[in-house]
């Protein structure tokens, strides 16, 4: 009968470790989701500006990038989109996206105050359509 409370003690010792492991997996999943999302945001912005009738208009890329970010439920206040490159036919247009994720969002635990943030960057380049009529 000495082992009557042994299971309770083992649970008390292992539960915090299991919770930390579970929160780590959730945090990693959220970080991967943010990374996939900003890759898609950059890619969609570059494609939109490169195939538009006015490839010199950077607002097309920014607008499409923000639409895509909303689809992934990213916070638009943390999103920065920069458009560069040549807008001539056959030129390359590049969209660079920067997104800042507070560590508090990755932990998904409201009572756990984690200071700091992670900045993620993505970039995509598309060739401006050569044969599209303008």
N, C-alpha and C. Protein backbone atom coordinates (compact mmCIF):
# COMPACT_ATOMS: atom_id res chain seq x y z
N UNK A 1 0.80 -1.19 0.00
CA UNK A 1 0.00 0.00 0.00
C UNK A 1 0.86 1.26 0.00
N UNK A 2 2.16 1.12 -0.06
CA UNK A 2 3.03 2.30 -0.11
C UNK A 2 2.87 3.07 -1.42
N UNK A 3 2.43 2.41 -2.48
CA UNK A 3 2.37 3.03 -3.80
C UNK A 3 1.02 3.70 -4.06
N UNK A 4 0.25 3.92 -3.06
CA UNK A 4 -1.09 4.47 -3.22
C UNK A 4 -1.06 5.87 -3.84
N UNK A 5 -0.17 6.73 -3.45
CA UNK A 5 -0.08 8.10 -3.98
C UNK A 5 0.98 8.27 -5.04
N UNK A 6 1.60 7.21 -5.46
CA UNK A 6 2.70 7.29 -6.42
C UNK A 6 2.22 7.84 -7.77
N UNK A 7 1.10 7.42 -8.25
CA UNK A 7 0.59 7.89 -9.54
C UNK A 7 0.30 9.39 -9.49
N UNK A 8 -0.23 9.85 -8.38
CA UNK A 8 -0.51 11.28 -8.23
C UNK A 8 0.77 12.10 -8.22
N UNK A 9 1.79 11.63 -7.57
CA UNK A 9 3.08 12.32 -7.54
C UNK A 9 3.70 12.33 -8.94
N UNK A 10 3.64 11.19 -9.63
CA UNK A 10 4.20 11.13 -10.99
C UNK A 10 3.46 12.09 -11.92
N UNK A 11 2.15 12.17 -11.79
CA UNK A 11 1.37 13.10 -12.60
C UNK A 11 1.75 14.54 -12.28
N UNK A 12 1.90 14.85 -11.01
CA UNK A 12 2.27 16.20 -10.60
C UNK A 12 3.64 16.59 -11.13
N UNK A 13 4.56 15.63 -11.24
CA UNK A 13 5.89 15.92 -11.76
C UNK A 13 5.91 16.01 -13.29
N UNK A 14 5.12 15.20 -13.95
CA UNK A 14 5.19 15.15 -15.41
C UNK A 14 4.23 16.12 -16.10
N UNK A 15 3.16 16.54 -15.46
CA UNK A 15 2.18 17.41 -16.09
C UNK A 15 2.76 18.76 -16.55
N UNK A 16 3.57 19.45 -15.74
CA UNK A 16 4.15 20.71 -16.23
C UNK A 16 5.03 20.51 -17.47
N UNK A 17 5.77 19.42 -17.50
CA UNK A 17 6.60 19.15 -18.68
C UNK A 17 5.75 18.89 -19.91
N UNK A 18 4.69 18.13 -19.75
CA UNK A 18 3.80 17.85 -20.87
C UNK A 18 3.09 19.11 -21.36
N UNK A 19 2.70 19.98 -20.43
CA UNK A 19 2.08 21.24 -20.82
C UNK A 19 3.06 22.13 -21.57
N UNK A 20 4.28 22.20 -21.11
CA UNK A 20 5.30 23.00 -21.81
C UNK A 20 5.55 22.45 -23.21
N UNK A 21 5.59 21.15 -23.34
CA UNK A 21 5.77 20.52 -24.65
C UNK A 21 4.60 20.85 -25.56
N UNK A 22 3.39 20.74 -25.05
CA UNK A 22 2.20 21.04 -25.85
C UNK A 22 2.18 22.50 -26.28
N UNK A 23 2.51 23.42 -25.38
CA UNK A 23 2.55 24.83 -25.74
C UNK A 23 3.64 25.12 -26.75
N UNK A 24 4.75 24.42 -26.65
CA UNK A 24 5.82 24.57 -27.64
C UNK A 24 5.39 24.13 -29.02
N UNK A 25 4.65 23.04 -29.08
CA UNK A 25 4.15 22.56 -30.38
C UNK A 25 3.15 23.55 -30.96
N UNK A 26 2.26 24.07 -30.13
CA UNK A 26 1.29 25.06 -30.60
C UNK A 26 2.00 26.32 -31.08
N UNK A 27 3.00 26.79 -30.33
CA UNK A 27 3.75 27.97 -30.73
C UNK A 27 4.49 27.77 -32.04
N UNK A 28 5.10 26.61 -32.21
CA UNK A 28 5.79 26.31 -33.46
C UNK A 28 4.81 26.26 -34.62
N UNK A 29 3.65 25.69 -34.39
CA UNK A 29 2.63 25.64 -35.44
C UNK A 29 2.16 27.02 -35.84
N UNK A 30 1.98 27.89 -34.88
CA UNK A 30 1.56 29.27 -35.18
C UNK A 30 2.65 30.02 -35.92
N UNK A 31 3.91 29.79 -35.57
CA UNK A 31 5.01 30.44 -36.28
C UNK A 31 5.09 29.94 -37.72
N UNK A 32 4.90 28.67 -37.93
CA UNK A 32 4.93 28.11 -39.28
C UNK A 32 3.76 28.67 -40.09
N UNK A 33 2.60 28.79 -39.49
CA UNK A 33 1.45 29.37 -40.18
C UNK A 33 1.75 30.80 -40.62
N UNK A 34 2.36 31.60 -39.75
CA UNK A 34 2.70 32.98 -40.10
C UNK A 34 3.71 33.01 -41.23
N UNK A 35 4.67 32.10 -41.21
CA UNK A 35 5.68 32.05 -42.27
C UNK A 35 5.06 31.69 -43.62
N UNK A 36 4.21 30.69 -43.63
CA UNK A 36 3.52 30.30 -44.86
C UNK A 36 2.65 31.44 -45.37
N UNK A 37 2.00 32.13 -44.45
CA UNK A 37 1.13 33.24 -44.83
C UNK A 37 1.90 34.38 -45.47
N UNK A 38 3.04 34.77 -44.89
CA UNK A 38 3.76 35.90 -45.49
C UNK A 38 4.41 35.51 -46.82
N UNK A 39 4.77 34.24 -46.99
CA UNK A 39 5.24 33.79 -48.30
C UNK A 39 4.13 33.95 -49.34
N UNK A 40 2.92 33.56 -48.98
CA UNK A 40 1.78 33.69 -49.90
C UNK A 40 1.46 35.16 -50.17
N UNK A 41 1.57 36.00 -49.15
CA UNK A 41 1.30 37.43 -49.32
C UNK A 41 2.28 38.04 -50.32
N UNK A 42 3.55 37.73 -50.18
CA UNK A 42 4.56 38.26 -51.10
C UNK A 42 4.32 37.74 -52.52
N UNK A 43 4.06 36.47 -52.64
CA UNK A 43 3.84 35.85 -53.95
C UNK A 43 2.62 36.45 -54.66
N UNK A 44 1.53 36.61 -53.93
CA UNK A 44 0.31 37.17 -54.53
C UNK A 44 0.49 38.63 -54.91
N UNK A 45 1.20 39.39 -54.09
CA UNK A 45 1.45 40.79 -54.42
C UNK A 45 2.29 40.94 -55.67
N UNK A 46 3.33 40.12 -55.78
CA UNK A 46 4.20 40.18 -56.96
C UNK A 46 3.45 39.75 -58.21
N UNK A 47 2.65 38.71 -58.10
CA UNK A 47 1.90 38.24 -59.26
C UNK A 47 0.88 39.29 -59.71
N UNK A 48 0.22 39.92 -58.75
CA UNK A 48 -0.80 40.91 -59.08
C UNK A 48 -0.22 42.11 -59.82
N UNK A 49 0.92 42.61 -59.36
CA UNK A 49 1.50 43.79 -60.01
C UNK A 49 2.13 43.43 -61.35
N UNK A 50 2.69 42.24 -61.47
CA UNK A 50 3.34 41.85 -62.71
C UNK A 50 2.34 41.56 -63.82
N UNK A 51 1.14 41.16 -63.48
CA UNK A 51 0.15 40.83 -64.50
C UNK A 51 -0.90 41.93 -64.68
N UNK A 52 -0.76 43.03 -63.97
CA UNK A 52 -1.75 44.09 -64.08
C UNK A 52 -1.51 44.92 -65.34
N UNK A 53 -2.53 45.62 -65.81
CA UNK A 53 -2.35 46.50 -66.97
C UNK A 53 -1.42 47.67 -66.68
N UNK A 54 -1.27 48.03 -65.41
CA UNK A 54 -0.36 49.12 -65.02
C UNK A 54 0.66 48.61 -64.01
N UNK A 55 1.71 47.94 -64.48
CA UNK A 55 2.68 47.35 -63.54
C UNK A 55 3.52 48.37 -62.78
N UNK A 56 3.46 49.64 -63.16
CA UNK A 56 4.20 50.66 -62.42
C UNK A 56 3.44 51.13 -61.18
N UNK A 57 2.18 50.74 -61.07
CA UNK A 57 1.34 51.14 -59.93
C UNK A 57 1.56 50.17 -58.77
N UNK A 58 2.36 50.57 -57.81
CA UNK A 58 2.70 49.71 -56.67
C UNK A 58 1.51 49.44 -55.76
N UNK A 59 0.50 50.30 -55.81
CA UNK A 59 -0.65 50.11 -54.93
C UNK A 59 -1.41 48.83 -55.27
N UNK A 60 -1.28 48.34 -56.49
CA UNK A 60 -1.92 47.07 -56.87
C UNK A 60 -1.33 45.93 -56.04
N UNK A 61 0.00 45.92 -55.94
CA UNK A 61 0.67 44.87 -55.17
C UNK A 61 0.34 44.98 -53.69
N UNK A 62 0.35 46.20 -53.18
CA UNK A 62 0.06 46.40 -51.76
C UNK A 62 -1.38 46.00 -51.44
N UNK A 63 -2.30 46.36 -52.30
CA UNK A 63 -3.71 46.01 -52.07
C UNK A 63 -3.93 44.50 -52.10
N UNK A 64 -3.34 43.83 -53.09
CA UNK A 64 -3.51 42.37 -53.18
C UNK A 64 -2.82 41.68 -52.01
N UNK A 65 -1.67 42.19 -51.59
CA UNK A 65 -0.95 41.61 -50.45
C UNK A 65 -1.79 41.74 -49.18
N UNK A 66 -2.41 42.88 -48.98
CA UNK A 66 -3.23 43.08 -47.79
C UNK A 66 -4.49 42.20 -47.83
N UNK A 67 -5.08 42.02 -49.01
CA UNK A 67 -6.22 41.11 -49.14
C UNK A 67 -5.83 39.69 -48.75
N UNK A 68 -4.69 39.26 -49.25
CA UNK A 68 -4.22 37.90 -48.94
C UNK A 68 -3.93 37.76 -47.45
N UNK A 69 -3.32 38.78 -46.86
CA UNK A 69 -3.02 38.74 -45.42
C UNK A 69 -4.30 38.65 -44.61
N UNK A 70 -5.34 39.35 -45.03
CA UNK A 70 -6.62 39.25 -44.33
C UNK A 70 -7.18 37.84 -44.42
N UNK A 71 -7.00 37.20 -45.58
CA UNK A 71 -7.46 35.83 -45.74
C UNK A 71 -6.77 34.87 -44.79
N UNK A 72 -5.51 35.15 -44.48
CA UNK A 72 -4.77 34.33 -43.52
C UNK A 72 -4.94 34.82 -42.08
N UNK A 73 -5.76 35.83 -41.89
CA UNK A 73 -6.03 36.42 -40.58
C UNK A 73 -4.79 36.98 -39.90
N UNK A 74 -3.97 37.64 -40.69
CA UNK A 74 -2.80 38.33 -40.13
C UNK A 74 -3.24 39.72 -39.69
N UNK A 75 -2.55 40.25 -38.70
CA UNK A 75 -2.82 41.60 -38.21
C UNK A 75 -2.19 42.59 -39.19
N UNK A 76 -3.01 43.36 -39.88
CA UNK A 76 -2.51 44.27 -40.91
C UNK A 76 -1.66 45.40 -40.34
N UNK A 77 -1.81 45.71 -39.07
CA UNK A 77 -0.99 46.77 -38.48
C UNK A 77 0.47 46.34 -38.32
N UNK A 78 0.73 45.03 -38.35
CA UNK A 78 2.10 44.51 -38.23
C UNK A 78 2.72 44.16 -39.58
N UNK A 79 1.99 44.39 -40.66
CA UNK A 79 2.42 44.00 -41.99
C UNK A 79 2.98 45.19 -42.74
N UNK A 80 4.14 45.00 -43.36
CA UNK A 80 4.74 46.03 -44.20
C UNK A 80 5.02 45.41 -45.57
N UNK A 81 4.63 46.14 -46.62
CA UNK A 81 4.81 45.65 -47.99
C UNK A 81 5.58 46.71 -48.77
N UNK A 82 6.67 46.28 -49.41
CA UNK A 82 7.48 47.18 -50.25
C UNK A 82 7.57 46.57 -51.64
N UNK A 83 7.42 47.44 -52.64
CA UNK A 83 7.45 46.99 -54.03
C UNK A 83 8.62 47.67 -54.72
N UNK A 84 9.38 46.88 -55.48
CA UNK A 84 10.53 47.42 -56.20
C UNK A 84 10.70 46.74 -57.53
N UNK A 85 11.73 47.13 -58.22
CA UNK A 85 12.06 46.51 -59.49
C UNK A 85 11.58 47.34 -60.67
N UNK A 86 11.82 46.81 -61.85
CA UNK A 86 11.49 47.49 -63.10
C UNK A 86 10.06 47.18 -63.51
N UNK A 87 9.36 48.20 -64.02
CA UNK A 87 7.98 47.98 -64.45
C UNK A 87 7.86 47.94 -65.97
N UNK A 88 8.98 47.84 -66.65
CA UNK A 88 8.96 47.70 -68.11
C UNK A 88 8.58 46.29 -68.49
N UNK A 89 8.09 46.08 -69.70
CA UNK A 89 7.76 44.73 -70.16
C UNK A 89 9.00 43.84 -70.10
N UNK A 90 8.85 42.69 -69.48
CA UNK A 90 9.97 41.78 -69.31
C UNK A 90 10.82 42.07 -68.08
N UNK A 91 10.56 43.19 -67.39
CA UNK A 91 11.30 43.53 -66.18
C UNK A 91 10.81 42.70 -65.00
N UNK A 92 11.53 42.77 -63.92
CA UNK A 92 11.18 42.00 -62.73
C UNK A 92 10.64 42.94 -61.65
N UNK A 93 9.48 42.59 -61.11
CA UNK A 93 8.90 43.33 -59.99
C UNK A 93 9.05 42.45 -58.75
N UNK A 94 9.54 43.06 -57.68
CA UNK A 94 9.78 42.34 -56.43
C UNK A 94 8.92 42.93 -55.32
N UNK A 95 8.31 42.05 -54.57
CA UNK A 95 7.51 42.46 -53.40
C UNK A 95 8.17 41.86 -52.17
N UNK A 96 8.50 42.73 -51.22
CA UNK A 96 9.09 42.29 -49.96
C UNK A 96 8.09 42.55 -48.84
N UNK A 97 7.88 41.52 -48.03
CA UNK A 97 6.90 41.59 -46.95
C UNK A 97 7.62 41.39 -45.62
N UNK A 98 7.30 42.22 -44.65
CA UNK A 98 7.82 42.08 -43.30
C UNK A 98 6.63 42.00 -42.35
N UNK A 99 6.67 41.01 -41.48
CA UNK A 99 5.57 40.82 -40.51
C UNK A 99 6.19 40.57 -39.15
N UNK A 100 5.71 41.28 -38.15
CA UNK A 100 6.23 41.17 -36.79
C UNK A 100 5.23 40.39 -35.94
N UNK A 101 5.72 39.34 -35.31
CA UNK A 101 4.87 38.49 -34.46
C UNK A 101 5.36 38.60 -33.02
N UNK A 102 4.54 39.14 -32.11
CA UNK A 102 4.94 39.16 -30.70
C UNK A 102 5.02 37.73 -30.16
N UNK A 103 5.98 37.47 -29.32
CA UNK A 103 6.11 36.14 -28.73
C UNK A 103 4.87 35.78 -27.91
N UNK A 104 4.18 36.77 -27.41
CA UNK A 104 2.95 36.54 -26.66
C UNK A 104 1.92 35.83 -27.54
N UNK A 105 1.87 36.17 -28.82
CA UNK A 105 0.92 35.53 -29.73
C UNK A 105 1.29 34.07 -30.00
N UNK A 106 2.57 33.77 -30.01
CA UNK A 106 3.00 32.40 -30.29
C UNK A 106 2.70 31.47 -29.12
N UNK A 107 2.79 32.01 -27.91
CA UNK A 107 2.60 31.16 -26.73
C UNK A 107 1.14 30.76 -26.55
N UNK A 108 0.21 31.62 -26.97
CA UNK A 108 -1.22 31.31 -26.90
C UNK A 108 -1.69 31.12 -25.46
N UNK A 109 -0.98 31.73 -24.53
CA UNK A 109 -1.35 31.64 -23.13
C UNK A 109 -1.48 33.07 -22.61
N UNK A 110 -2.69 33.55 -22.34
CA UNK A 110 -2.87 34.95 -21.97
C UNK A 110 -2.19 35.35 -20.67
N UNK A 111 -2.05 34.44 -19.73
CA UNK A 111 -1.45 34.81 -18.45
C UNK A 111 0.07 34.76 -18.47
N UNK A 112 0.67 34.21 -19.51
CA UNK A 112 2.12 34.11 -19.63
C UNK A 112 2.63 35.29 -20.43
N UNK A 113 3.31 36.21 -19.76
CA UNK A 113 3.82 37.42 -20.41
C UNK A 113 5.20 37.16 -21.00
N UNK A 114 5.27 37.02 -22.32
CA UNK A 114 6.56 36.82 -22.98
C UNK A 114 6.97 38.12 -23.66
N UNK A 115 8.12 38.67 -23.28
CA UNK A 115 8.56 39.91 -23.93
C UNK A 115 9.22 39.61 -25.27
N UNK A 116 9.21 40.58 -26.13
CA UNK A 116 9.91 40.46 -27.40
C UNK A 116 9.00 40.09 -28.55
N UNK A 117 9.60 40.03 -29.73
CA UNK A 117 8.87 39.72 -30.94
C UNK A 117 9.79 39.08 -31.96
N UNK A 118 9.20 38.44 -32.93
CA UNK A 118 9.93 37.80 -34.01
C UNK A 118 9.54 38.51 -35.30
N UNK A 119 10.53 38.91 -36.09
CA UNK A 119 10.26 39.55 -37.37
C UNK A 119 10.52 38.56 -38.48
N UNK A 120 9.51 38.35 -39.31
CA UNK A 120 9.62 37.42 -40.43
C UNK A 120 9.59 38.22 -41.73
N UNK A 121 10.40 37.78 -42.68
CA UNK A 121 10.48 38.46 -43.98
C UNK A 121 10.31 37.46 -45.10
N UNK A 122 9.65 37.91 -46.16
CA UNK A 122 9.50 37.09 -47.36
C UNK A 122 9.58 38.01 -48.57
N UNK A 123 9.98 37.43 -49.67
CA UNK A 123 10.13 38.20 -50.89
C UNK A 123 9.74 37.33 -52.07
N UNK A 124 9.14 37.95 -53.07
CA UNK A 124 8.77 37.23 -54.29
C UNK A 124 9.01 38.13 -55.48
N UNK A 125 9.44 37.54 -56.58
CA UNK A 125 9.73 38.28 -57.80
C UNK A 125 8.97 37.64 -58.96
N UNK A 126 8.34 38.51 -59.76
CA UNK A 126 7.64 38.04 -60.96
C UNK A 126 8.06 38.91 -62.14
N UNK A 127 8.08 38.32 -63.31
CA UNK A 127 8.39 39.06 -64.52
C UNK A 127 7.12 39.77 -65.01
N UNK A 128 7.28 41.03 -65.41
CA UNK A 128 6.15 41.78 -65.95
C UNK A 128 5.78 41.15 -67.29
N UNK A 129 4.50 40.91 -67.48
CA UNK A 129 4.03 40.25 -68.70
C UNK A 129 4.50 41.01 -69.94
N UNK A 130 5.10 40.30 -70.86
CA UNK A 130 5.65 40.94 -72.07
C UNK A 130 4.61 41.14 -73.14
N UNK A 131 3.63 40.26 -73.22
CA UNK A 131 2.71 40.28 -74.35
C UNK A 131 1.30 40.68 -73.98
N UNK A 132 1.10 41.09 -72.78
CA UNK A 132 -0.23 41.53 -72.37
C UNK A 132 -0.47 42.93 -72.93
N UNK A 133 -1.63 43.14 -73.51
CA UNK A 133 -1.91 44.47 -74.09
C UNK A 133 -2.18 45.45 -72.98
N UNK A 134 -1.77 46.67 -73.22
CA UNK A 134 -1.93 47.73 -72.22
C UNK A 134 -2.68 48.87 -72.80
